[in-house]
Amino acid sequence: MSPAEKAEESVVTYEVRGTVAVVTLNRPRYRNAQNSKMTYALDAAFSRAVDDDDVKVIVLAGNGEHFSGGHDIGTPGRDVDQTFERKAVIWWDHTDKQGVDARIARESEVYLGMCRRWREIPKPVIAMVQGACIAGGLMLAWCCDFIVAAEDAFFADPVVRMGIPGVEYFAHPWVMNPRAAKEFLYTGDRFDAERALRLGMVNHVVPREDLESATFALAERISAMPRFGLALTKKAVNQAEDLQGMRSGMDSVFGLHHAAHSHNAEVGADSLAGMDARAMRDAAAKA
């Protein structure tokens, strides 16, 4: 095993700095692409932070140049065919199923279900974003309470290139306005950090060199508030979003998402319309 491989053996790292738990995506060679191993490591880290009464705030970070390039659709660590203990939904295992049966079983758990689970973490969670925050990376950031972005951060959901109407955790019309969400999806373009700030998708934009200090300063300010009051306030805001249709909207789009997967598999090479990470990158570069 090379030194780089050894460094990434823990796909998520965990540390506590005072009252702040730092959960870090740790696959920098692959832009922190999220495989199932990372998903369940994230869940374990978040649970650990919730169970620690000394932790008041959680920071979600990405090791390396980029926060996250999205779901793992082509690295050597892709583990779509592996079984993990299910935590988010009660459903059967996907590995011995086929077609829509397999895709819904897996994606209800590791994508939509996990992000909904993490959205309900009773402690404030701050995403600290640099570089790429793409597709599945958006889902990780969007289920956090705050996003502090470096000036070099950019955000994109290019999966319409696959004929699929956005990522599984379809928060687009709520984290930005509907017209901006349509542009974001229809074009697949990158929105830079300043535009994301103007649209209300991120809370703060700071120079890259100040990203960590600004994020931890915010975390420390929040840590001064009563823990139970923060938990109830988070629940209150989340409930308001759901009353505005966020949860039911996600459910409806999740069905459309899988209709698109099925269409791709029926008329083309596979459920991703023959696209992998390299093809998605090349298509974006030509746009």
C-alpha atoms as a PDB file:
ATOM      1  CA  MET A   1       0.000   0.000   0.000  1.00  0.00           C
ATOM      2  CA  SER A   2       1.409   3.395  -1.011  1.00  0.00           C
ATOM      3  CA  PRO A   3       1.744   6.271   1.515  1.00  0.00           C
ATOM      4  CA  ALA A   4      -1.181   8.039  -0.185  1.00  0.00           C
ATOM      5  CA  GLU A   5      -3.338   4.911   0.082  1.00  0.00           C
ATOM      6  CA  LYS A   6      -2.441   4.485   3.753  1.00  0.00           C
ATOM      7  CA  ALA A   7      -3.394   8.115   4.438  1.00  0.00           C
ATOM      8  CA  GLU A   8      -6.812   7.485   2.906  1.00  0.00           C
ATOM      9  CA  GLU A   9      -7.420   4.179   4.651  1.00  0.00           C
ATOM     10  CA  SER A  10      -9.769   6.069   6.968  1.00  0.00           C
ATOM     11  CA  VAL A  11     -12.202   7.532   4.448  1.00  0.00           C
ATOM     12  CA  VAL A  12     -13.531   9.829   7.183  1.00  0.00           C
ATOM     13  CA  THR A  13     -11.475  11.274  10.031  1.00  0.00           C
ATOM     14  CA  TYR A  14     -12.758  12.566  13.366  1.00  0.00           C
ATOM     15  CA  GLU A  15     -11.291  14.947  15.901  1.00  0.00           C
ATOM     16  CA  VAL A  16     -12.555  17.230  18.647  1.00  0.00           C
ATOM     17  CA  ARG A  17     -11.259  20.761  19.079  1.00  0.00           C
ATOM     18  CA  GLY A  18     -12.682  22.143  22.289  1.00  0.00           C
ATOM     19  CA  THR A  19     -16.460  22.139  21.847  1.00  0.00           C
ATOM     20  CA  VAL A  20     -16.286  21.453  18.085  1.00  0.00           C
ATOM     21  CA  ALA A  21     -16.176  18.028  16.428  1.00  0.00           C
ATOM     22  CA  VAL A  22     -14.492  18.009  13.019  1.00  0.00           C
ATOM     23  CA  VAL A  23     -15.667  15.327  10.595  1.00  0.00           C
ATOM     24  CA  THR A  24     -13.478  15.255   7.472  1.00  0.00           C
ATOM     25  CA  LEU A  25     -14.018  13.495   4.145  1.00  0.00           C
ATOM     26  CA  ASN A  26     -10.706  11.796   3.424  1.00  0.00           C
ATOM     27  CA  ARG A  27     -10.422  10.606  -0.173  1.00  0.00           C
ATOM     28  CA  PRO A  28      -8.505  13.603  -1.578  1.00  0.00           C
ATOM     29  CA  ARG A  29      -7.049  11.658  -4.538  1.00  0.00           C
ATOM     30  CA  TYR A  30     -10.612  11.221  -5.805  1.00  0.00           C
ATOM     31  CA  ARG A  31     -11.948  14.667  -4.863  1.00  0.00           C
ATOM     32  CA  ASN A  32     -13.543  13.039  -1.812  1.00  0.00           C
ATOM     33  CA  ALA A  33     -15.922  11.032  -3.971  1.00  0.00           C
ATOM     34  CA  GLN A  34     -18.562   9.497  -1.710  1.00  0.00           C
ATOM     35  CA  ASN A  35     -18.790   5.713  -1.778  1.00  0.00           C
ATOM     36  CA  SER A  36     -20.897   3.678   0.652  1.00  0.00           C
ATOM     37  CA  LYS A  37     -17.908   3.107   2.912  1.00  0.00           C
ATOM     38  CA  MET A  38     -17.623   6.873   3.329  1.00  0.00           C
ATOM     39  CA  THR A  39     -21.376   7.218   3.859  1.00  0.00           C
ATOM     40  CA  TYR A  40     -21.402   4.852   6.809  1.00  0.00           C
ATOM     41  CA  ALA A  41     -18.178   6.282   8.210  1.00  0.00           C
ATOM     42  CA  LEU A  42     -19.804   9.715   8.110  1.00  0.00           C
ATOM     43  CA  ASP A  43     -22.840   8.382   9.914  1.00  0.00           C
ATOM     44  CA  ALA A  44     -20.691   6.819  12.622  1.00  0.00           C
ATOM     45  CA  ALA A  45     -18.753  10.077  13.070  1.00  0.00           C
ATOM     46  CA  PHE A  46     -21.923  12.164  13.312  1.00  0.00           C
ATOM     47  CA  SER A  47     -23.390   9.738  15.856  1.00  0.00           C
ATOM     48  CA  ARG A  48     -20.182   9.947  17.883  1.00  0.00           C
ATOM     49  CA  ALA A  49     -20.405  13.739  17.932  1.00  0.00           C
ATOM     50  CA  VAL A  50     -24.064  13.698  18.962  1.00  0.00           C
ATOM     51  CA  ASP A  51     -23.315  11.293  21.831  1.00  0.00           C
ATOM     52  CA  ASP A  52     -20.476  13.468  23.172  1.00  0.00           C
ATOM     53  CA  ASP A  53     -22.027  15.992  25.563  1.00  0.00           C
ATOM     54  CA  ASP A  54     -18.912  18.177  25.345  1.00  0.00           C
ATOM     55  CA  VAL A  55     -19.453  18.700  21.597  1.00  0.00           C
ATOM     56  CA  LYS A  56     -21.708  21.646  20.829  1.00  0.00           C
ATOM     57  CA  VAL A  57     -21.135  22.102  17.066  1.00  0.00           C
ATOM     58  CA  ILE A  58     -20.027  19.819  14.221  1.00  0.00           C
ATOM     59  CA  VAL A  59     -17.898  20.963  11.268  1.00  0.00           C
ATOM     60  CA  LEU A  60     -18.006  18.898   8.061  1.00  0.00           C
ATOM     61  CA  ALA A  61     -14.839  19.380   6.008  1.00  0.00           C
ATOM     62  CA  GLY A  62     -13.118  17.872   2.975  1.00  0.00           C
ATOM     63  CA  ASN A  63      -9.420  16.983   2.932  1.00  0.00           C
ATOM     64  CA  GLY A  64      -7.405  18.346   0.025  1.00  0.00           C
ATOM     65  CA  GLU A  65      -8.188  20.800  -2.753  1.00  0.00           C
ATOM     66  CA  HIS A  66     -11.888  19.996  -2.984  1.00  0.00           C
ATOM     67  CA  PHE A  67     -14.788  19.494  -0.594  1.00  0.00           C
ATOM     68  CA  SER A  68     -16.424  16.734  -2.668  1.00  0.00           C
ATOM     69  CA  GLY A  69     -16.697  15.858  -6.327  1.00  0.00           C
ATOM     70  CA  GLY A  70     -19.902  13.906  -5.719  1.00  0.00           C
ATOM     71  CA  HIS A  71     -20.949  10.277  -5.580  1.00  0.00           C
ATOM     72  CA  ASP A  72     -18.376   7.667  -6.472  1.00  0.00           C
ATOM     73  CA  ILE A  73     -19.317   6.528  -9.972  1.00  0.00           C
ATOM     74  CA  GLY A  74     -15.931   5.261 -11.124  1.00  0.00           C
ATOM     75  CA  THR A  75     -13.031   5.130  -8.648  1.00  0.00           C
ATOM     76  CA  PRO A  76     -11.273   1.890  -7.624  1.00  0.00           C
ATOM     77  CA  GLY A  77     -13.118   2.169  -4.298  1.00  0.00           C
ATOM     78  CA  ARG A  78     -16.597   2.143  -5.777  1.00  0.00           C
ATOM     79  CA  ASP A  79     -18.608  -0.303  -3.666  1.00  0.00           C
ATOM     80  CA  VAL A  80     -22.117  -0.235  -5.126  1.00  0.00           C
ATOM     81  CA  ASP A  81     -22.163  -4.042  -5.038  1.00  0.00           C
ATOM     82  CA  GLN A  82     -21.389  -4.314  -1.333  1.00  0.00           C
ATOM     83  CA  THR A  83     -23.719  -4.705   1.640  1.00  0.00           C
ATOM     84  CA  PHE A  84     -23.594  -2.421   4.670  1.00  0.00           C
ATOM     85  CA  GLU A  85     -25.749  -2.423   7.777  1.00  0.00           C
ATOM     86  CA  ARG A  86     -28.702  -0.192   6.924  1.00  0.00           C
ATOM     87  CA  LYS A  87     -29.284   2.793   9.219  1.00  0.00           C
ATOM     88  CA  ALA A  88     -31.534   5.310   7.472  1.00  0.00           C
ATOM     89  CA  VAL A  89     -34.517   3.310   6.198  1.00  0.00           C
ATOM     90  CA  ILE A  90     -36.071  -0.105   6.774  1.00  0.00           C
ATOM     91  CA  TRP A  91     -35.705  -1.813   3.420  1.00  0.00           C
ATOM     92  CA  TRP A  92     -34.210  -5.004   2.025  1.00  0.00           C
ATOM     93  CA  ASP A  93     -30.639  -5.428   0.840  1.00  0.00           C
ATOM     94  CA  HIS A  94     -29.971  -4.282  -2.730  1.00  0.00           C
ATOM     95  CA  THR A  95     -27.098  -6.565  -3.698  1.00  0.00           C
ATOM     96  CA  ASP A  96     -29.208  -9.581  -4.681  1.00  0.00           C
ATOM     97  CA  LYS A  97     -31.869  -7.511  -6.487  1.00  0.00           C
ATOM     98  CA  GLN A  98     -32.057  -6.186 -10.040  1.00  0.00           C
ATOM     99  CA  GLY A  99     -33.187  -3.072 -11.877  1.00  0.00           C
ATOM    100  CA  VAL A 100     -35.334  -0.512 -10.105  1.00  0.00           C
ATOM    101  CA  ASP A 101     -35.687  -2.861  -7.134  1.00  0.00           C
ATOM    102  CA  ALA A 102     -31.932  -2.682  -6.514  1.00  0.00           C
ATOM    103  CA  ARG A 103     -31.508   1.028  -7.257  1.00  0.00           C
ATOM    104  CA  ILE A 104     -34.357   2.216  -5.035  1.00  0.00           C
ATOM    105  CA  ALA A 105     -33.284  -0.107  -2.217  1.00  0.00           C
ATOM    106  CA  ARG A 106     -29.753   1.307  -2.256  1.00  0.00           C
ATOM    107  CA  GLU A 107     -30.441   4.961  -2.998  1.00  0.00           C
ATOM    108  CA  SER A 108     -33.299   5.243  -0.503  1.00  0.00           C
ATOM    109  CA  GLU A 109     -30.713   4.305   2.097  1.00  0.00           C
ATOM    110  CA  VAL A 110     -27.302   5.689   1.183  1.00  0.00           C
ATOM    111  CA  TYR A 111     -28.392   8.859  -0.620  1.00  0.00           C
ATOM    112  CA  LEU A 112     -31.809  10.294   0.247  1.00  0.00           C
ATOM    113  CA  GLY A 113     -32.264   8.489   3.552  1.00  0.00           C
ATOM    114  CA  MET A 114     -28.843   9.298   4.964  1.00  0.00           C
ATOM    115  CA  CYS A 115     -29.026  12.976   4.029  1.00  0.00           C
ATOM    116  CA  ARG A 116     -32.439  13.267   5.676  1.00  0.00           C
ATOM    117  CA  ARG A 117     -31.065  11.513   8.746  1.00  0.00           C
ATOM    118  CA  TRP A 118     -28.134  13.929   8.926  1.00  0.00           C
ATOM    119  CA  ARG A 119     -30.381  16.945   8.417  1.00  0.00           C
ATOM    120  CA  GLU A 120     -32.026  15.993  11.719  1.00  0.00           C
ATOM    121  CA  ILE A 121     -28.773  15.858  13.728  1.00  0.00           C
ATOM    122  CA  PRO A 122     -29.757  17.790  16.890  1.00  0.00           C
ATOM    123  CA  LYS A 123     -26.529  19.788  16.964  1.00  0.00           C
ATOM    124  CA  PRO A 124     -25.622  22.580  14.527  1.00  0.00           C
ATOM    125  CA  VAL A 125     -23.545  21.367  11.569  1.00  0.00           C
ATOM    126  CA  ILE A 126     -21.373  23.698   9.469  1.00  0.00           C
ATOM    127  CA  ALA A 127     -20.077  22.664   6.039  1.00  0.00           C
ATOM    128  CA  MET A 128     -16.637  24.138   5.352  1.00  0.00           C
ATOM    129  CA  VAL A 129     -16.382  24.128   1.558  1.00  0.00           C
ATOM    130  CA  GLN A 130     -13.415  24.700  -0.714  1.00  0.00           C
ATOM    131  CA  GLY A 131     -12.979  23.882  -4.389  1.00  0.00           C
ATOM    132  CA  ALA A 132     -15.522  21.555  -5.954  1.00  0.00           C
ATOM    133  CA  CYS A 133     -18.893  20.869  -4.369  1.00  0.00           C
ATOM    134  CA  ILE A 134     -20.603  18.866  -7.087  1.00  0.00           C
ATOM    135  CA  ALA A 135     -23.740  16.678  -7.255  1.00  0.00           C
ATOM    136  CA  GLY A 136     -23.484  14.316  -4.272  1.00  0.00           C
ATOM    137  CA  GLY A 137     -21.200  16.885  -2.651  1.00  0.00           C
ATOM    138  CA  LEU A 138     -24.095  19.328  -2.743  1.00  0.00           C
ATOM    139  CA  MET A 139     -26.203  16.836  -0.824  1.00  0.00           C
ATOM    140  CA  LEU A 140     -23.612  16.660   1.948  1.00  0.00           C
ATOM    141  CA  ALA A 141     -23.379  20.445   2.205  1.00  0.00           C
ATOM    142  CA  TRP A 142     -27.119  21.069   1.867  1.00  0.00           C
ATOM    143  CA  CYS A 143     -28.081  18.838   4.781  1.00  0.00           C
ATOM    144  CA  CYS A 144     -25.843  20.994   7.009  1.00  0.00           C
ATOM    145  CA  ASP A 145     -27.208  24.085   8.765  1.00  0.00           C
ATOM    146  CA  PHE A 146     -24.580  26.515   7.499  1.00  0.00           C
ATOM    147  CA  ILE A 147     -22.166  26.646   4.595  1.00  0.00           C
ATOM    148  CA  VAL A 148     -18.985  28.682   4.871  1.00  0.00           C
ATOM    149  CA  ALA A 149     -17.313  28.752   1.463  1.00  0.00           C
ATOM    150  CA  ALA A 150     -13.860  29.708   0.309  1.00  0.00           C
ATOM    151  CA  GLU A 151     -13.641  32.168  -2.563  1.00  0.00           C
ATOM    152  CA  ASP A 152     -12.461  29.327  -4.818  1.00  0.00           C
ATOM    153  CA  ALA A 153     -15.489  27.136  -4.064  1.00  0.00           C
ATOM    154  CA  PHE A 154     -17.904  26.272  -6.852  1.00  0.00           C
ATOM    155  CA  PHE A 155     -21.200  24.398  -6.902  1.00  0.00           C
ATOM    156  CA  ALA A 156     -22.779  22.336  -9.689  1.00  0.00           C
ATOM    157  CA  ASP A 157     -25.372  19.638 -10.287  1.00  0.00           C
ATOM    158  CA  PRO A 158     -24.593  18.314 -13.775  1.00  0.00           C
ATOM    159  CA  VAL A 159     -26.647  15.108 -13.638  1.00  0.00           C
ATOM    160  CA  VAL A 160     -29.209  16.423 -16.115  1.00  0.00           C
ATOM    161  CA  ARG A 161     -26.482  15.480 -18.631  1.00  0.00           C
ATOM    162  CA  MET A 162     -27.494  11.911 -17.751  1.00  0.00           C
ATOM    163  CA  GLY A 163     -31.143  12.746 -18.378  1.00  0.00           C
ATOM    164  CA  ILE A 164     -31.773  12.702 -14.607  1.00  0.00           C
ATOM    165  CA  PRO A 165     -33.576  15.637 -12.906  1.00  0.00           C
ATOM    166  CA  GLY A 166     -31.000  16.440 -10.238  1.00  0.00           C
ATOM    167  CA  VAL A 167     -29.457  14.588  -7.319  1.00  0.00           C
ATOM    168  CA  GLU A 168     -31.513  12.424  -4.976  1.00  0.00           C
ATOM    169  CA  TYR A 169     -31.644  14.938  -2.116  1.00  0.00           C
ATOM    170  CA  PHE A 170     -33.548  17.424  -4.260  1.00  0.00           C
ATOM    171  CA  ALA A 171     -33.272  20.596  -2.172  1.00  0.00           C
ATOM    172  CA  HIS A 172     -32.600  22.921  -5.113  1.00  0.00           C
ATOM    173  CA  PRO A 173     -35.786  25.082  -4.989  1.00  0.00           C
ATOM    174  CA  TRP A 174     -35.358  25.567  -1.223  1.00  0.00           C
ATOM    175  CA  VAL A 175     -31.638  26.333  -0.991  1.00  0.00           C
ATOM    176  CA  MET A 176     -31.971  28.838  -3.846  1.00  0.00           C
ATOM    177  CA  ASN A 177     -34.973  30.322  -5.617  1.00  0.00           C
ATOM    178  CA  PRO A 178     -36.825  28.228  -8.239  1.00  0.00           C
ATOM    179  CA  ARG A 179     -35.630  30.243 -11.254  1.00  0.00           C
ATOM    180  CA  ALA A 180     -32.024  29.934 -10.132  1.00  0.00           C
ATOM    181  CA  ALA A 181     -32.581  26.209  -9.512  1.00  0.00           C
ATOM    182  CA  LYS A 182     -33.818  25.793 -13.079  1.00  0.00           C
ATOM    183  CA  GLU A 183     -30.755  27.566 -14.482  1.00  0.00           C
ATOM    184  CA  PHE A 184     -28.486  25.516 -12.204  1.00  0.00           C
ATOM    185  CA  LEU A 185     -30.010  22.278 -13.497  1.00  0.00           C
ATOM    186  CA  TYR A 186     -30.829  23.170 -17.119  1.00  0.00           C
ATOM    187  CA  THR A 187     -27.284  24.360 -17.869  1.00  0.00           C
ATOM    188  CA  GLY A 188     -25.244  22.207 -15.499  1.00  0.00           C
ATOM    189  CA  ASP A 189     -23.106  25.319 -15.037  1.00  0.00           C
ATOM    190  CA  ARG A 190     -20.948  25.991 -12.029  1.00  0.00           C
ATOM    191  CA  PHE A 191     -22.153  28.677  -9.640  1.00  0.00           C
ATOM    192  CA  ASP A 192     -19.192  30.326  -7.950  1.00  0.00           C
ATOM    193  CA  ALA A 193     -19.152  31.116  -4.247  1.00  0.00           C
ATOM    194  CA  GLU A 194     -20.191  34.750  -4.681  1.00  0.00           C
ATOM    195  CA  ARG A 195     -23.227  33.822  -6.744  1.00  0.00           C
ATOM    196  CA  ALA A 196     -24.132  31.111  -4.239  1.00  0.00           C
ATOM    197  CA  LEU A 197     -23.935  33.759  -1.517  1.00  0.00           C
ATOM    198  CA  ARG A 198     -26.231  36.128  -3.423  1.00  0.00           C
ATOM    199  CA  LEU A 199     -28.763  33.326  -3.851  1.00  0.00           C
ATOM    200  CA  GLY A 200     -28.686  32.470  -0.151  1.00  0.00           C
ATOM    201  CA  MET A 201     -27.179  29.029  -0.722  1.00  0.00           C
ATOM    202  CA  VAL A 202     -24.141  29.776   1.460  1.00  0.00           C
ATOM    203  CA  ASN A 203     -23.798  31.904   4.596  1.00  0.00           C
ATOM    204  CA  HIS A 204     -20.318  33.363   4.202  1.00  0.00           C
ATOM    205  CA  VAL A 205     -17.572  33.567   1.584  1.00  0.00           C
ATOM    206  CA  VAL A 206     -14.022  34.095   2.788  1.00  0.00           C
ATOM    207  CA  PRO A 207     -10.510  33.902   1.311  1.00  0.00           C
ATOM    208  CA  ARG A 208      -9.221  30.334   1.111  1.00  0.00           C
ATOM    209  CA  GLU A 209      -6.535  31.032   3.694  1.00  0.00           C
ATOM    210  CA  ASP A 210      -9.198  32.235   6.165  1.00  0.00           C
ATOM    211  CA  LEU A 211     -11.664  29.402   5.623  1.00  0.00           C
ATOM    212  CA  GLU A 212     -10.762  27.358   8.681  1.00  0.00           C
ATOM    213  CA  SER A 213     -10.423  30.286  11.076  1.00  0.00           C
ATOM    214  CA  ALA A 214     -13.719  31.843   9.934  1.00  0.00           C
ATOM    215  CA  THR A 215     -15.557  28.537  10.220  1.00  0.00           C
ATOM    216  CA  PHE A 216     -14.267  27.837  13.711  1.00  0.00           C
ATOM    217  CA  ALA A 217     -14.982  31.382  14.849  1.00  0.00           C
ATOM    218  CA  LEU A 218     -18.609  30.857  13.815  1.00  0.00           C
ATOM    219  CA  ALA A 219     -18.681  27.462  15.513  1.00  0.00           C
ATOM    220  CA  GLU A 220     -17.379  28.951  18.756  1.00  0.00           C
ATOM    221  CA  ARG A 221     -20.024  31.684  18.710  1.00  0.00           C
ATOM    222  CA  ILE A 222     -22.748  29.095  18.269  1.00  0.00           C
ATOM    223  CA  SER A 223     -21.224  26.952  21.029  1.00  0.00           C
ATOM    224  CA  ALA A 224     -22.022  29.682  23.533  1.00  0.00           C
ATOM    225  CA  MET A 225     -25.757  29.066  23.065  1.00  0.00           C
ATOM    226  CA  PRO A 226     -27.699  26.499  25.146  1.00  0.00           C
ATOM    227  CA  ARG A 227     -27.466  23.040  23.582  1.00  0.00           C
ATOM    228  CA  PHE A 228     -31.147  22.172  23.978  1.00  0.00           C
ATOM    229  CA  GLY A 229     -32.205  25.578  22.673  1.00  0.00           C
ATOM    230  CA  LEU A 230     -30.099  25.020  19.551  1.00  0.00           C
ATOM    231  CA  ALA A 231     -31.647  21.577  19.033  1.00  0.00           C
ATOM    232  CA  LEU A 232     -35.183  22.915  19.312  1.00  0.00           C
ATOM    233  CA  THR A 233     -34.416  25.868  17.036  1.00  0.00           C
ATOM    234  CA  LYS A 234     -32.982  23.556  14.396  1.00  0.00           C
ATOM    235  CA  LYS A 235     -36.088  21.390  14.564  1.00  0.00           C
ATOM    236  CA  ALA A 236     -38.305  24.481  14.288  1.00  0.00           C
ATOM    237  CA  VAL A 237     -36.622  25.710  11.100  1.00  0.00           C
ATOM    238  CA  ASN A 238     -36.554  22.228   9.564  1.00  0.00           C
ATOM    239  CA  GLN A 239     -40.263  21.832  10.280  1.00  0.00           C
ATOM    240  CA  ALA A 240     -40.957  25.168   8.594  1.00  0.00           C
ATOM    241  CA  GLU A 241     -39.086  24.003   5.471  1.00  0.00           C
ATOM    242  CA  ASP A 242     -41.072  20.786   5.435  1.00  0.00           C
ATOM    243  CA  LEU A 243     -44.331  22.725   5.752  1.00  0.00           C
ATOM    244  CA  GLN A 244     -43.213  24.595   2.644  1.00  0.00           C
ATOM    245  CA  GLY A 245     -43.105  21.248   0.837  1.00  0.00           C
ATOM    246  CA  MET A 246     -39.459  20.293   1.023  1.00  0.00           C
ATOM    247  CA  ARG A 247     -39.912  16.710   2.207  1.00  0.00           C
ATOM    248  CA  SER A 248     -42.860  15.868  -0.044  1.00  0.00           C
ATOM    249  CA  GLY A 249     -41.121  17.592  -2.955  1.00  0.00           C
ATOM    250  CA  MET A 250     -38.068  15.396  -2.477  1.00  0.00           C
ATOM    251  CA  ASP A 251     -40.265  12.297  -2.417  1.00  0.00           C
ATOM    252  CA  SER A 252     -41.894  13.220  -5.710  1.00  0.00           C
ATOM    253  CA  VAL A 253     -38.579  14.007  -7.426  1.00  0.00           C
ATOM    254  CA  PHE A 254     -37.005  10.803  -6.104  1.00  0.00           C
ATOM    255  CA  GLY A 255     -39.573   8.926  -8.179  1.00  0.00           C
ATOM    256  CA  LEU A 256     -38.720  10.977 -11.265  1.00  0.00           C
ATOM    257  CA  HIS A 257     -35.032  10.366 -10.589  1.00  0.00           C
ATOM    258  CA  HIS A 258     -35.545   6.614 -10.752  1.00  0.00           C
ATOM    259  CA  ALA A 259     -37.822   6.837 -13.763  1.00  0.00           C
ATOM    260  CA  ALA A 260     -34.860   8.496 -15.509  1.00  0.00           C
ATOM    261  CA  HIS A 261     -32.449   5.776 -14.360  1.00  0.00           C
ATOM    262  CA  SER A 262     -34.837   3.138 -15.702  1.00  0.00           C
ATOM    263  CA  HIS A 263     -35.265   4.950 -19.004  1.00  0.00           C
ATOM    264  CA  ASN A 264     -31.493   5.124 -19.431  1.00  0.00           C
ATOM    265  CA  ALA A 265     -31.112   1.420 -18.709  1.00  0.00           C
ATOM    266  CA  GLU A 266     -33.927   0.531 -21.103  1.00  0.00           C
ATOM    267  CA  VAL A 267     -32.792   2.569 -24.094  1.00  0.00           C
ATOM    268  CA  GLY A 268     -29.037   2.871 -23.555  1.00  0.00           C
ATOM    269  CA  ALA A 269     -25.921   1.284 -22.145  1.00  0.00           C
ATOM    270  CA  ASP A 270     -26.672   1.627 -18.436  1.00  0.00           C
ATOM    271  CA  SER A 271     -28.668   3.588 -15.845  1.00  0.00           C
ATOM    272  CA  LEU A 272     -26.188   6.496 -15.998  1.00  0.00           C
ATOM    273  CA  ALA A 273     -26.573   6.985 -19.755  1.00  0.00           C
ATOM    274  CA  GLY A 274     -23.020   5.775 -20.276  1.00  0.00           C
ATOM    275  CA  MET A 275     -21.584   8.637 -18.237  1.00  0.00           C
ATOM    276  CA  ASP A 276     -18.797   8.310 -15.692  1.00  0.00           C
ATOM    277  CA  ALA A 277     -16.866  10.921 -13.740  1.00  0.00           C
ATOM    278  CA  ARG A 278     -14.455  11.571 -16.616  1.00  0.00           C
ATOM    279  CA  ALA A 279     -17.260  11.925 -19.163  1.00  0.00           C
ATOM    280  CA  MET A 280     -19.136  14.311 -16.885  1.00  0.00           C
ATOM    281  CA  ARG A 281     -15.999  16.402 -16.440  1.00  0.00           C
ATOM    282  CA  ASP A 282     -15.306  16.500 -20.172  1.00  0.00           C
ATOM    283  CA  ALA A 283     -18.912  17.462 -20.964  1.00  0.00           C
ATOM    284  CA  ALA A 284     -18.748  20.299 -18.439  1.00  0.00           C
ATOM    285  CA  ALA A 285     -15.482  21.533 -19.953  1.00  0.00           C
ATOM    286  CA  LYS A 286     -17.118  21.768 -23.414  1.00  0.00           C
ATOM    287  CA  ALA A 287     -20.130  23.718 -22.150  1.00  0.00           C
END
